[in-house]
Protein backbone atom coordinates (compact mmCIF):
# COMPACT_ATOMS: atom_id res chain seq x y z
CA UNK A 1 0.00 0.00 0.00
CA UNK A 2 2.85 2.38 0.77
CA UNK A 3 4.38 1.80 -2.65
CA UNK A 4 1.12 2.73 -4.33
CA UNK A 5 0.91 5.95 -2.31
CA UNK A 6 4.50 6.84 -3.14
CA UNK A 7 3.92 6.24 -6.85
CA UNK A 8 0.80 8.42 -6.88
CA UNK A 9 2.59 11.13 -4.92
CA UNK A 10 5.56 11.03 -7.29
CA UNK A 11 3.29 11.16 -10.33
CA UNK A 12 1.33 14.14 -9.00
CA UNK A 13 4.48 16.01 -7.96
CA UNK A 14 5.83 15.65 -11.49
CA UNK A 15 2.61 16.49 -13.35
CA UNK A 16 1.04 19.29 -11.30
CA UNK A 17 3.73 21.93 -11.95
CA UNK A 18 3.11 21.66 -15.72
CA UNK A 19 -0.64 22.37 -15.54
CA UNK A 20 -0.31 26.19 -15.64
CA UNK A 21 1.82 25.88 -18.78
CA UNK A 22 -0.80 23.72 -20.48
CA UNK A 23 -3.62 26.06 -19.48
CA UNK A 24 -1.78 29.08 -20.88
CA UNK A 25 -1.07 27.30 -24.18
CA UNK A 26 -4.75 26.46 -24.62
CA UNK A 27 -5.81 30.07 -24.00
CA UNK A 28 -3.45 31.63 -26.52
CA UNK A 29 -3.63 29.13 -29.37
CA UNK A 30 -7.28 29.61 -30.41
CA UNK A 31 -6.92 33.41 -30.52
CA UNK A 32 -4.15 33.15 -33.10
CA UNK A 33 -6.15 30.69 -35.18
CA UNK A 34 -9.24 32.91 -35.22
CA UNK A 35 -7.35 35.91 -36.56
CA UNK A 36 -5.32 33.95 -39.05
CA UNK A 37 -6.67 34.09 -42.59
CA UNK A 38 -9.37 36.71 -41.96
CA UNK A 39 -9.21 39.73 -44.26
CA UNK A 40 -11.40 42.67 -43.27
CA UNK A 41 -12.05 45.28 -45.95
CA UNK A 42 -14.38 48.24 -46.24
CA UNK A 43 -15.17 50.49 -49.19
CA UNK A 44 -14.79 54.01 -47.85
CA UNK A 45 -16.89 55.41 -50.72
CA UNK A 46 -19.99 53.37 -49.90
CA UNK A 47 -19.77 52.36 -46.24
CA UNK A 48 -21.96 53.91 -43.57
CA UNK A 49 -20.47 55.63 -40.53
CA UNK A 50 -21.36 52.59 -38.41
CA UNK A 51 -19.55 50.24 -40.80
CA UNK A 52 -16.47 52.46 -40.90
CA UNK A 53 -16.37 52.72 -37.10
CA UNK A 54 -16.68 48.96 -36.74
CA UNK A 55 -14.23 47.86 -39.42
CA UNK A 56 -11.43 50.43 -39.28
CA UNK A 57 -8.83 50.48 -36.50
CA UNK A 58 -8.67 53.68 -34.49
CA UNK A 59 -11.86 55.09 -36.01
CA UNK A 60 -14.77 55.76 -33.71
CA UNK A 61 -18.26 56.81 -34.68
CA UNK A 62 -17.38 60.53 -34.61
CA UNK A 63 -14.44 60.17 -37.03
CA UNK A 64 -16.43 57.76 -39.17
CA UNK A 65 -19.21 60.33 -39.48
CA UNK A 66 -16.58 62.93 -40.45
CA UNK A 67 -15.44 60.60 -43.26
CA UNK A 68 -19.02 60.24 -44.52
CA UNK A 69 -19.61 64.01 -44.28
CA UNK A 70 -16.41 64.73 -46.21
CA UNK A 71 -17.35 62.18 -48.87
CA UNK A 72 -20.81 63.71 -49.29
CA UNK A 73 -19.38 67.24 -49.55
CA UNK A 74 -16.40 66.48 -51.82
CA UNK A 75 -17.36 63.37 -53.76
CA UNK A 76 -15.82 59.91 -53.61
CA UNK A 77 -12.27 59.33 -52.45
CA UNK A 78 -9.90 58.65 -55.36
CA UNK A 79 -6.86 57.67 -53.28
CA UNK A 80 -6.50 56.17 -49.84
CA UNK A 81 -4.32 59.13 -48.81
CA UNK A 82 -7.30 61.45 -49.43
CA UNK A 83 -8.53 60.33 -46.01
CA UNK A 84 -5.93 62.61 -44.43
CA UNK A 85 -8.03 65.56 -45.66
CA UNK A 86 -10.71 64.53 -43.14
CA UNK A 87 -10.35 66.35 -39.82
CA UNK A 88 -9.01 63.96 -37.18
CA UNK A 89 -7.59 61.40 -39.63
CA UNK A 90 -3.80 61.35 -39.81
CA UNK A 91 -1.24 59.48 -41.84
CA UNK A 92 -0.73 56.88 -39.10
CA UNK A 93 -4.44 56.01 -39.08
CA UNK A 94 -4.44 55.68 -42.87
CA UNK A 95 -1.28 53.56 -42.77
CA UNK A 96 -2.72 51.26 -40.05
CA UNK A 97 -5.85 50.69 -42.14
CA UNK A 98 -4.37 50.64 -45.66
CA UNK A 99 -4.91 46.89 -46.09
CA UNK A 100 -8.56 47.23 -45.01
CA UNK A 101 -9.54 50.15 -47.24
CA UNK A 102 -11.13 49.71 -50.64
CA UNK A 103 -12.05 52.49 -53.06
PDB file of N, CA and C in Angstrom:
ATOM      1  N   UNK A   1       0.814  -1.180   0.000  1.00  0.00           N
ATOM      2  CA  UNK A   1       0.000   0.000   0.000  1.00  0.00           C
ATOM      3  C   UNK A   1       0.867   1.258   0.000  1.00  0.00           C
ATOM      4  N   UNK A   2       1.971   1.224   0.719  1.00  0.00           N
ATOM      5  CA  UNK A   2       2.846   2.382   0.771  1.00  0.00           C
ATOM      6  C   UNK A   2       3.497   2.649  -0.584  1.00  0.00           C
ATOM      7  N   UNK A   3       3.777   1.638  -1.323  1.00  0.00           N
ATOM      8  CA  UNK A   3       4.385   1.805  -2.645  1.00  0.00           C
ATOM      9  C   UNK A   3       3.403   2.515  -3.571  1.00  0.00           C
ATOM     10  N   UNK A   4       2.150   2.109  -3.505  1.00  0.00           N
ATOM     11  CA  UNK A   4       1.118   2.727  -4.333  1.00  0.00           C
ATOM     12  C   UNK A   4       0.994   4.222  -3.998  1.00  0.00           C
ATOM     13  N   UNK A   5       1.016   4.557  -2.744  1.00  0.00           N
ATOM     14  CA  UNK A   5       0.912   5.946  -2.307  1.00  0.00           C
ATOM     15  C   UNK A   5       2.119   6.747  -2.782  1.00  0.00           C
ATOM     16  N   UNK A   6       3.293   6.163  -2.696  1.00  0.00           N
ATOM     17  CA  UNK A   6       4.505   6.840  -3.143  1.00  0.00           C
ATOM     18  C   UNK A   6       4.480   7.073  -4.653  1.00  0.00           C
ATOM     19  N   UNK A   7       3.998   6.107  -5.397  1.00  0.00           N
ATOM     20  CA  UNK A   7       3.925   6.243  -6.855  1.00  0.00           C
ATOM     21  C   UNK A   7       2.947   7.356  -7.239  1.00  0.00           C
ATOM     22  N   UNK A   8       1.788   7.374  -6.602  1.00  0.00           N
ATOM     23  CA  UNK A   8       0.796   8.418  -6.882  1.00  0.00           C
ATOM     24  C   UNK A   8       1.354   9.791  -6.501  1.00  0.00           C
ATOM     25  N   UNK A   9       2.001   9.874  -5.362  1.00  0.00           N
ATOM     26  CA  UNK A   9       2.591  11.134  -4.920  1.00  0.00           C
ATOM     27  C   UNK A   9       3.670  11.601  -5.894  1.00  0.00           C
ATOM     28  N   UNK A  10       4.511  10.698  -6.331  1.00  0.00           N
ATOM     29  CA  UNK A  10       5.560  11.026  -7.290  1.00  0.00           C
ATOM     30  C   UNK A  10       4.951  11.502  -8.611  1.00  0.00           C
ATOM     31  N   UNK A  11       3.959  10.802  -9.078  1.00  0.00           N
ATOM     32  CA  UNK A  11       3.285  11.158 -10.335  1.00  0.00           C
ATOM     33  C   UNK A  11       2.678  12.560 -10.252  1.00  0.00           C
ATOM     34  N   UNK A  12       1.964  12.827  -9.167  1.00  0.00           N
ATOM     35  CA  UNK A  12       1.334  14.137  -9.004  1.00  0.00           C
ATOM     36  C   UNK A  12       2.369  15.253  -8.859  1.00  0.00           C
ATOM     37  N   UNK A  13       3.452  14.978  -8.152  1.00  0.00           N
ATOM     38  CA  UNK A  13       4.475  16.008  -7.962  1.00  0.00           C
ATOM     39  C   UNK A  13       5.184  16.338  -9.275  1.00  0.00           C
ATOM     40  N   UNK A  14       5.218  15.394 -10.196  1.00  0.00           N
ATOM     41  CA  UNK A  14       5.834  15.649 -11.494  1.00  0.00           C
ATOM     42  C   UNK A  14       4.866  16.316 -12.474  1.00  0.00           C
ATOM     43  N   UNK A  15       3.598  15.998 -12.382  1.00  0.00           N
ATOM     44  CA  UNK A  15       2.610  16.492 -13.346  1.00  0.00           C
ATOM     45  C   UNK A  15       2.000  17.836 -12.979  1.00  0.00           C
ATOM     46  N   UNK A  16       1.734  18.066 -11.717  1.00  0.00           N
ATOM     47  CA  UNK A  16       1.039  19.285 -11.303  1.00  0.00           C
ATOM     48  C   UNK A  16       1.763  20.582 -11.678  1.00  0.00           C
ATOM     49  N   UNK A  17       3.076  20.659 -11.579  1.00  0.00           N
ATOM     50  CA  UNK A  17       3.734  21.925 -11.954  1.00  0.00           C
ATOM     51  C   UNK A  17       3.565  22.299 -13.434  1.00  0.00           C
ATOM     52  N   UNK A  18       3.257  21.357 -14.289  1.00  0.00           N
ATOM     53  CA  UNK A  18       3.114  21.659 -15.720  1.00  0.00           C
ATOM     54  C   UNK A  18       1.707  22.109 -16.098  1.00  0.00           C
ATOM     55  N   UNK A  19       0.736  21.984 -15.219  1.00  0.00           N
ATOM     56  CA  UNK A  19      -0.639  22.371 -15.543  1.00  0.00           C
ATOM     57  C   UNK A  19      -0.785  23.846 -15.918  1.00  0.00           C
ATOM     58  N   UNK A  20      -0.171  24.782 -15.219  1.00  0.00           N
ATOM     59  CA  UNK A  20      -0.306  26.186 -15.643  1.00  0.00           C
ATOM     60  C   UNK A  20       0.228  26.426 -17.057  1.00  0.00           C
ATOM     61  N   UNK A  21       1.278  25.738 -17.429  1.00  0.00           N
ATOM     62  CA  UNK A  21       1.815  25.881 -18.783  1.00  0.00           C
ATOM     63  C   UNK A  21       0.824  25.378 -19.819  1.00  0.00           C
ATOM     64  N   UNK A  22       0.192  24.268 -19.553  1.00  0.00           N
ATOM     65  CA  UNK A  22      -0.798  23.719 -20.477  1.00  0.00           C
ATOM     66  C   UNK A  22      -2.017  24.625 -20.575  1.00  0.00           C
ATOM     67  N   UNK A  23      -2.453  25.172 -19.473  1.00  0.00           N
ATOM     68  CA  UNK A  23      -3.619  26.056 -19.477  1.00  0.00           C
ATOM     69  C   UNK A  23      -3.327  27.315 -20.281  1.00  0.00           C
ATOM     70  N   UNK A  24      -2.143  27.874 -20.138  1.00  0.00           N
ATOM     71  CA  UNK A  24      -1.776  29.076 -20.876  1.00  0.00           C
ATOM     72  C   UNK A  24      -1.695  28.793 -22.370  1.00  0.00           C
ATOM     73  N   UNK A  25      -1.176  27.657 -22.768  1.00  0.00           N
ATOM     74  CA  UNK A  25      -1.075  27.301 -24.179  1.00  0.00           C
ATOM     75  C   UNK A  25      -2.452  27.166 -24.806  1.00  0.00           C
ATOM     76  N   UNK A  26      -3.402  26.621 -24.088  1.00  0.00           N
ATOM     77  CA  UNK A  26      -4.753  26.465 -24.618  1.00  0.00           C
ATOM     78  C   UNK A  26      -5.452  27.804 -24.777  1.00  0.00           C
ATOM     79  N   UNK A  27      -5.168  28.765 -23.915  1.00  0.00           N
ATOM     80  CA  UNK A  27      -5.812  30.071 -23.998  1.00  0.00           C
ATOM     81  C   UNK A  27      -5.297  30.885 -25.171  1.00  0.00           C
ATOM     82  N   UNK A  28      -4.009  30.791 -25.476  1.00  0.00           N
ATOM     83  CA  UNK A  28      -3.446  31.632 -26.520  1.00  0.00           C
ATOM     84  C   UNK A  28      -3.568  31.027 -27.906  1.00  0.00           C
ATOM     85  N   UNK A  29      -3.593  29.742 -28.052  1.00  0.00           N
ATOM     86  CA  UNK A  29      -3.630  29.127 -29.374  1.00  0.00           C
ATOM     87  C   UNK A  29      -4.896  29.445 -30.164  1.00  0.00           C
ATOM     88  N   UNK A  30      -6.095  29.325 -29.605  1.00  0.00           N
ATOM     89  CA  UNK A  30      -7.278  29.609 -30.408  1.00  0.00           C
ATOM     90  C   UNK A  30      -7.354  31.052 -30.885  1.00  0.00           C
ATOM     91  N   UNK A  31      -6.863  32.011 -30.111  1.00  0.00           N
ATOM     92  CA  UNK A  31      -6.925  33.410 -30.524  1.00  0.00           C
ATOM     93  C   UNK A  31      -6.122  33.631 -31.795  1.00  0.00           C
ATOM     94  N   UNK A  32      -4.964  33.004 -31.901  1.00  0.00           N
ATOM     95  CA  UNK A  32      -4.150  33.152 -33.099  1.00  0.00           C
ATOM     96  C   UNK A  32      -4.832  32.497 -34.294  1.00  0.00           C
ATOM     97  N   UNK A  33      -5.485  31.376 -34.087  1.00  0.00           N
ATOM     98  CA  UNK A  33      -6.152  30.685 -35.183  1.00  0.00           C
ATOM     99  C   UNK A  33      -7.357  31.464 -35.686  1.00  0.00           C
ATOM    100  N   UNK A  34      -8.051  32.155 -34.817  1.00  0.00           N
ATOM    101  CA  UNK A  34      -9.236  32.907 -35.220  1.00  0.00           C
ATOM    102  C   UNK A  34      -8.844  34.066 -36.111  1.00  0.00           C
ATOM    103  N   UNK A  35      -7.761  34.756 -35.784  1.00  0.00           N
ATOM    104  CA  UNK A  35      -7.345  35.914 -36.558  1.00  0.00           C
ATOM    105  C   UNK A  35      -6.674  35.519 -37.862  1.00  0.00           C
ATOM    106  N   UNK A  36      -6.073  34.373 -37.892  1.00  0.00           N
ATOM    107  CA  UNK A  36      -5.320  33.951 -39.051  1.00  0.00           C
ATOM    108  C   UNK A  36      -6.236  33.709 -40.243  1.00  0.00           C
ATOM    109  N   UNK A  37      -5.924  34.328 -41.369  1.00  0.00           N
ATOM    110  CA  UNK A  37      -6.670  34.086 -42.589  1.00  0.00           C
ATOM    111  C   UNK A  37      -7.894  34.967 -42.780  1.00  0.00           C
ATOM    112  N   UNK A  38      -8.210  35.833 -41.831  1.00  0.00           N
ATOM    113  CA  UNK A  38      -9.369  36.710 -41.964  1.00  0.00           C
ATOM    114  C   UNK A  38      -8.902  38.039 -42.542  1.00  0.00           C
ATOM    115  N   UNK A  39      -9.526  38.448 -43.643  1.00  0.00           N
ATOM    116  CA  UNK A  39      -9.209  39.725 -44.258  1.00  0.00           C
ATOM    117  C   UNK A  39     -10.440  40.616 -44.143  1.00  0.00           C
ATOM    118  N   UNK A  40     -10.295  41.730 -43.458  1.00  0.00           N
ATOM    119  CA  UNK A  40     -11.396  42.666 -43.269  1.00  0.00           C
ATOM    120  C   UNK A  40     -11.159  43.845 -44.195  1.00  0.00           C
ATOM    121  N   UNK A  41     -12.150  44.132 -45.050  1.00  0.00           N
ATOM    122  CA  UNK A  41     -12.049  45.276 -45.946  1.00  0.00           C
ATOM    123  C   UNK A  41     -13.337  46.082 -45.889  1.00  0.00           C
ATOM    124  N   UNK A  42     -13.214  47.362 -46.228  1.00  0.00           N
ATOM    125  CA  UNK A  42     -14.377  48.241 -46.243  1.00  0.00           C
ATOM    126  C   UNK A  42     -14.175  49.271 -47.355  1.00  0.00           C
ATOM    127  N   UNK A  43     -15.217  49.488 -48.138  1.00  0.00           N
ATOM    128  CA  UNK A  43     -15.175  50.492 -49.194  1.00  0.00           C
ATOM    129  C   UNK A  43     -15.535  51.837 -48.577  1.00  0.00           C
ATOM    130  N   UNK A  44     -14.564  52.733 -48.520  1.00  0.00           N
ATOM    131  CA  UNK A  44     -14.791  54.012 -47.849  1.00  0.00           C
ATOM    132  C   UNK A  44     -15.705  54.936 -48.652  1.00  0.00           C
ATOM    133  N   UNK A  45     -15.985  54.597 -49.905  1.00  0.00           N
ATOM    134  CA  UNK A  45     -16.885  55.410 -50.718  1.00  0.00           C
ATOM    135  C   UNK A  45     -18.345  54.992 -50.598  1.00  0.00           C
ATOM    136  N   UNK A  46     -18.606  53.839 -50.012  1.00  0.00           N
ATOM    137  CA  UNK A  46     -19.992  53.370 -49.904  1.00  0.00           C
ATOM    138  C   UNK A  46     -20.406  52.998 -48.487  1.00  0.00           C
ATOM    139  N   UNK A  47     -19.462  52.833 -47.597  1.00  0.00           N
ATOM    140  CA  UNK A  47     -19.772  52.362 -46.238  1.00  0.00           C
ATOM    141  C   UNK A  47     -20.455  53.446 -45.414  1.00  0.00           C
ATOM    142  N   UNK A  48     -21.311  52.999 -44.516  1.00  0.00           N
ATOM    143  CA  UNK A  48     -21.956  53.913 -43.570  1.00  0.00           C
ATOM    144  C   UNK A  48     -20.973  54.250 -42.452  1.00  0.00           C
ATOM    145  N   UNK A  49     -21.317  55.249 -41.664  1.00  0.00           N
ATOM    146  CA  UNK A  49     -20.470  55.631 -40.533  1.00  0.00           C
ATOM    147  C   UNK A  49     -20.325  54.469 -39.553  1.00  0.00           C
ATOM    148  N   UNK A  50     -21.402  53.733 -39.329  1.00  0.00           N
ATOM    149  CA  UNK A  50     -21.356  52.594 -38.407  1.00  0.00           C
ATOM    150  C   UNK A  50     -20.404  51.519 -38.921  1.00  0.00           C
ATOM    151  N   UNK A  51     -20.445  51.246 -40.222  1.00  0.00           N
ATOM    152  CA  UNK A  51     -19.547  50.236 -40.799  1.00  0.00           C
ATOM    153  C   UNK A  51     -18.095  50.683 -40.688  1.00  0.00           C
ATOM    154  N   UNK A  52     -17.836  51.940 -40.999  1.00  0.00           N
ATOM    155  CA  UNK A  52     -16.467  52.456 -40.901  1.00  0.00           C
ATOM    156  C   UNK A  52     -15.948  52.372 -39.469  1.00  0.00           C
ATOM    157  N   UNK A  53     -16.777  52.754 -38.508  1.00  0.00           N
ATOM    158  CA  UNK A  53     -16.365  52.723 -37.102  1.00  0.00           C
ATOM    159  C   UNK A  53     -16.090  51.303 -36.630  1.00  0.00           C
ATOM    160  N   UNK A  54     -16.843  50.357 -37.153  1.00  0.00           N
ATOM    161  CA  UNK A  54     -16.682  48.965 -36.740  1.00  0.00           C
ATOM    162  C   UNK A  54     -15.473  48.304 -37.392  1.00  0.00           C
ATOM    163  N   UNK A  55     -15.214  48.608 -38.652  1.00  0.00           N
ATOM    164  CA  UNK A  55     -14.226  47.856 -39.421  1.00  0.00           C
ATOM    165  C   UNK A  55     -12.844  48.494 -39.508  1.00  0.00           C
ATOM    166  N   UNK A  56     -12.731  49.770 -39.206  1.00  0.00           N
ATOM    167  CA  UNK A  56     -11.430  50.429 -39.282  1.00  0.00           C
ATOM    168  C   UNK A  56     -10.836  50.607 -37.888  1.00  0.00           C
ATOM    169  N   UNK A  57      -9.533  50.352 -37.782  1.00  0.00           N
ATOM    170  CA  UNK A  57      -8.829  50.479 -36.504  1.00  0.00           C
ATOM    171  C   UNK A  57      -8.610  51.953 -36.172  1.00  0.00           C
ATOM    172  N   UNK A  58      -8.903  52.325 -34.943  1.00  0.00           N
ATOM    173  CA  UNK A  58      -8.665  53.681 -34.488  1.00  0.00           C
ATOM    174  C   UNK A  58      -9.695  54.690 -34.958  1.00  0.00           C
ATOM    175  N   UNK A  59     -10.793  54.215 -35.520  1.00  0.00           N
ATOM    176  CA  UNK A  59     -11.859  55.094 -36.009  1.00  0.00           C
ATOM    177  C   UNK A  59     -13.108  54.833 -35.179  1.00  0.00           C
ATOM    178  N   UNK A  60     -13.520  55.854 -34.457  1.00  0.00           N
ATOM    179  CA  UNK A  60     -14.767  55.761 -33.707  1.00  0.00           C
ATOM    180  C   UNK A  60     -15.906  56.311 -34.540  1.00  0.00           C
ATOM    181  N   UNK A  61     -17.073  56.364 -33.949  1.00  0.00           N
ATOM    182  CA  UNK A  61     -18.259  56.814 -34.676  1.00  0.00           C
ATOM    183  C   UNK A  61     -18.139  58.280 -35.105  1.00  0.00           C
ATOM    184  N   UNK A  62     -17.521  59.108 -34.283  1.00  0.00           N
ATOM    185  CA  UNK A  62     -17.382  60.530 -34.615  1.00  0.00           C
ATOM    186  C   UNK A  62     -16.484  60.730 -35.841  1.00  0.00           C
ATOM    187  N   UNK A  63     -15.331  60.063 -35.867  1.00  0.00           N
ATOM    188  CA  UNK A  63     -14.439  60.172 -37.026  1.00  0.00           C
ATOM    189  C   UNK A  63     -15.059  59.521 -38.253  1.00  0.00           C
ATOM    190  N   UNK A  64     -15.765  58.429 -38.053  1.00  0.00           N
ATOM    191  CA  UNK A  64     -16.429  57.760 -39.173  1.00  0.00           C
ATOM    192  C   UNK A  64     -17.477  58.677 -39.794  1.00  0.00           C
ATOM    193  N   UNK A  65     -18.217  59.387 -38.963  1.00  0.00           N
ATOM    194  CA  UNK A  65     -19.209  60.333 -39.483  1.00  0.00           C
ATOM    195  C   UNK A  65     -18.519  61.474 -40.224  1.00  0.00           C
ATOM    196  N   UNK A  66     -17.343  61.890 -39.758  1.00  0.00           N
ATOM    197  CA  UNK A  66     -16.576  62.929 -40.451  1.00  0.00           C
ATOM    198  C   UNK A  66     -16.146  62.446 -41.833  1.00  0.00           C
ATOM    199  N   UNK A  67     -15.801  61.167 -41.957  1.00  0.00           N
ATOM    200  CA  UNK A  67     -15.442  60.596 -43.260  1.00  0.00           C
ATOM    201  C   UNK A  67     -16.645  60.645 -44.194  1.00  0.00           C
ATOM    202  N   UNK A  68     -17.800  60.235 -43.710  1.00  0.00           N
ATOM    203  CA  UNK A  68     -19.022  60.240 -44.521  1.00  0.00           C
ATOM    204  C   UNK A  68     -19.384  61.673 -44.918  1.00  0.00           C
ATOM    205  N   UNK A  69     -19.298  62.610 -43.989  1.00  0.00           N
ATOM    206  CA  UNK A  69     -19.612  64.014 -44.283  1.00  0.00           C
ATOM    207  C   UNK A  69     -18.670  64.572 -45.345  1.00  0.00           C
ATOM    208  N   UNK A  70     -17.388  64.268 -45.223  1.00  0.00           N
ATOM    209  CA  UNK A  70     -16.407  64.729 -46.206  1.00  0.00           C
ATOM    210  C   UNK A  70     -16.716  64.140 -47.579  1.00  0.00           C
ATOM    211  N   UNK A  71     -17.027  62.864 -47.612  1.00  0.00           N
ATOM    212  CA  UNK A  71     -17.345  62.181 -48.870  1.00  0.00           C
ATOM    213  C   UNK A  71     -18.572  62.805 -49.531  1.00  0.00           C
ATOM    214  N   UNK A  72     -19.593  63.115 -48.741  1.00  0.00           N
ATOM    215  CA  UNK A  72     -20.811  63.712 -49.288  1.00  0.00           C
ATOM    216  C   UNK A  72     -20.562  65.130 -49.796  1.00  0.00           C
ATOM    217  N   UNK A  73     -19.668  65.865 -49.145  1.00  0.00           N
ATOM    218  CA  UNK A  73     -19.380  67.241 -49.545  1.00  0.00           C
ATOM    219  C   UNK A  73     -18.414  67.333 -50.726  1.00  0.00           C
ATOM    220  N   UNK A  74     -17.476  66.384 -50.829  1.00  0.00           N
ATOM    221  CA  UNK A  74     -16.399  66.482 -51.820  1.00  0.00           C
ATOM    222  C   UNK A  74     -16.402  65.383 -52.871  1.00  0.00           C
ATOM    223  N   UNK A  75     -17.331  64.477 -52.809  1.00  0.00           N
ATOM    224  CA  UNK A  75     -17.363  63.367 -53.756  1.00  0.00           C
ATOM    225  C   UNK A  75     -16.534  62.199 -53.263  1.00  0.00           C
ATOM    226  N   UNK A  76     -16.514  61.129 -54.044  1.00  0.00           N
ATOM    227  CA  UNK A  76     -15.819  59.910 -53.607  1.00  0.00           C
ATOM    228  C   UNK A  76     -14.306  60.105 -53.487  1.00  0.00           C
ATOM    229  N   UNK A  77     -13.725  59.329 -52.610  1.00  0.00           N
ATOM    230  CA  UNK A  77     -12.275  59.329 -52.451  1.00  0.00           C
ATOM    231  C   UNK A  77     -11.660  58.665 -53.681  1.00  0.00           C
ATOM    232  N   UNK A  78     -10.577  59.245 -54.199  1.00  0.00           N
ATOM    233  CA  UNK A  78      -9.904  58.651 -55.358  1.00  0.00           C
ATOM    234  C   UNK A  78      -8.621  57.939 -54.965  1.00  0.00           C
ATOM    235  N   UNK A  79      -8.059  58.317 -53.811  1.00  0.00           N
ATOM    236  CA  UNK A  79      -6.859  57.674 -53.280  1.00  0.00           C
ATOM    237  C   UNK A  79      -7.048  57.459 -51.780  1.00  0.00           C
ATOM    238  N   UNK A  80      -6.401  56.449 -51.272  1.00  0.00           N
ATOM    239  CA  UNK A  80      -6.498  56.174 -49.836  1.00  0.00           C
ATOM    240  C   UNK A  80      -5.968  57.356 -49.027  1.00  0.00           C
ATOM    241  N   UNK A  81      -4.908  57.992 -49.528  1.00  0.00           N
ATOM    242  CA  UNK A  81      -4.317  59.127 -48.808  1.00  0.00           C
ATOM    243  C   UNK A  81      -5.259  60.324 -48.716  1.00  0.00           C
ATOM    244  N   UNK A  82      -6.315  60.370 -49.523  1.00  0.00           N
ATOM    245  CA  UNK A  82      -7.301  61.454 -49.433  1.00  0.00           C
ATOM    246  C   UNK A  82      -7.977  61.483 -48.063  1.00  0.00           C
ATOM    247  N   UNK A  83      -7.938  60.377 -47.353  1.00  0.00           N
ATOM    248  CA  UNK A  83      -8.532  60.332 -46.010  1.00  0.00           C
ATOM    249  C   UNK A  83      -7.869  61.319 -45.053  1.00  0.00           C
ATOM    250  N   UNK A  84      -6.615  61.663 -45.315  1.00  0.00           N
ATOM    251  CA  UNK A  84      -5.927  62.608 -44.425  1.00  0.00           C
ATOM    252  C   UNK A  84      -6.527  64.009 -44.526  1.00  0.00           C
ATOM    253  N   UNK A  85      -7.344  64.267 -45.540  1.00  0.00           N
ATOM    254  CA  UNK A  85      -8.034  65.555 -45.659  1.00  0.00           C
ATOM    255  C   UNK A  85      -9.200  65.668 -44.682  1.00  0.00           C
ATOM    256  N   UNK A  86      -9.611  64.546 -44.108  1.00  0.00           N
ATOM    257  CA  UNK A  86     -10.709  64.532 -43.141  1.00  0.00           C
ATOM    258  C   UNK A  86     -10.148  64.936 -41.781  1.00  0.00           C
ATOM    259  N   UNK A  87     -10.813  65.883 -41.125  1.00  0.00           N
ATOM    260  CA  UNK A  87     -10.353  66.349 -39.817  1.00  0.00           C
ATOM    261  C   UNK A  87     -10.314  65.183 -38.826  1.00  0.00           C
ATOM    262  N   UNK A  88      -9.163  65.012 -38.174  1.00  0.00           N
ATOM    263  CA  UNK A  88      -9.009  63.961 -37.180  1.00  0.00           C
ATOM    264  C   UNK A  88      -8.408  62.673 -37.715  1.00  0.00           C
ATOM    265  N   UNK A  89      -8.189  62.602 -39.028  1.00  0.00           N
ATOM    266  CA  UNK A  89      -7.591  61.400 -39.627  1.00  0.00           C
ATOM    267  C   UNK A  89      -6.175  61.758 -40.064  1.00  0.00           C
ATOM    268  N   UNK A  90      -5.199  61.093 -39.474  1.00  0.00           N
ATOM    269  CA  UNK A  90      -3.802  61.354 -39.809  1.00  0.00           C
ATOM    270  C   UNK A  90      -3.197  60.247 -40.646  1.00  0.00           C
ATOM    271  N   UNK A  91      -1.951  60.459 -41.015  1.00  0.00           N
ATOM    272  CA  UNK A  91      -1.237  59.481 -41.842  1.00  0.00           C
ATOM    273  C   UNK A  91      -1.105  58.133 -41.141  1.00  0.00           C
ATOM    274  N   UNK A  92      -0.885  58.147 -39.838  1.00  0.00           N
ATOM    275  CA  UNK A  92      -0.732  56.883 -39.101  1.00  0.00           C
ATOM    276  C   UNK A  92      -2.018  56.065 -39.149  1.00  0.00           C
ATOM    277  N   UNK A  93      -3.158  56.719 -39.020  1.00  0.00           N
ATOM    278  CA  UNK A  93      -4.443  56.012 -39.085  1.00  0.00           C
ATOM    279  C   UNK A  93      -4.644  55.413 -40.462  1.00  0.00           C
ATOM    280  N   UNK A  94      -4.311  56.183 -41.495  1.00  0.00           N
ATOM    281  CA  UNK A  94      -4.442  55.677 -42.866  1.00  0.00           C
ATOM    282  C   UNK A  94      -3.499  54.499 -43.069  1.00  0.00           C
ATOM    283  N   UNK A  95      -2.268  54.625 -42.614  1.00  0.00           N
ATOM    284  CA  UNK A  95      -1.278  53.557 -42.765  1.00  0.00           C
ATOM    285  C   UNK A  95      -1.725  52.287 -42.036  1.00  0.00           C
ATOM    286  N   UNK A  96      -2.275  52.425 -40.827  1.00  0.00           N
ATOM    287  CA  UNK A  96      -2.722  51.263 -40.053  1.00  0.00           C
ATOM    288  C   UNK A  96      -3.913  50.557 -40.684  1.00  0.00           C
ATOM    289  N   UNK A  97      -4.655  51.259 -41.528  1.00  0.00           N
ATOM    290  CA  UNK A  97      -5.853  50.687 -42.140  1.00  0.00           C
ATOM    291  C   UNK A  97      -5.715  50.456 -43.639  1.00  0.00           C
ATOM    292  N   UNK A  98      -4.548  50.706 -44.205  1.00  0.00           N
ATOM    293  CA  UNK A  98      -4.373  50.640 -45.659  1.00  0.00           C
ATOM    294  C   UNK A  98      -4.815  49.299 -46.246  1.00  0.00           C
ATOM    295  N   UNK A  99      -4.538  48.209 -45.564  1.00  0.00           N
ATOM    296  CA  UNK A  99      -4.913  46.890 -46.085  1.00  0.00           C
ATOM    297  C   UNK A  99      -6.417  46.649 -46.004  1.00  0.00           C
ATOM    298  N   UNK A 100      -7.118  47.408 -45.195  1.00  0.00           N
ATOM    299  CA  UNK A 100      -8.559  47.227 -45.010  1.00  0.00           C
ATOM    300  C   UNK A 100      -9.389  48.105 -45.940  1.00  0.00           C
ATOM    301  N   UNK A 101      -8.781  49.143 -46.498  1.00  0.00           N
ATOM    302  CA  UNK A 101      -9.536  50.154 -47.238  1.00  0.00           C
ATOM    303  C   UNK A 101      -9.640  49.796 -48.712  1.00  0.00           C
ATOM    304  N   UNK A 102     -10.859  49.859 -49.213  1.00  0.00           N
ATOM    305  CA  UNK A 102     -11.132  49.711 -50.643  1.00  0.00           C
ATOM    306  C   UNK A 102     -11.696  51.026 -51.152  1.00  0.00           C
ATOM    307  N   UNK A 103     -11.472  51.299 -52.442  1.00  0.00           N
ATOM    308  CA  UNK A 103     -12.054  52.493 -53.065  1.00  0.00           C
ATOM    309  C   UNK A 103     -13.124  52.085 -54.054  1.00  0.00           C
TER     310      UNK A 103
END
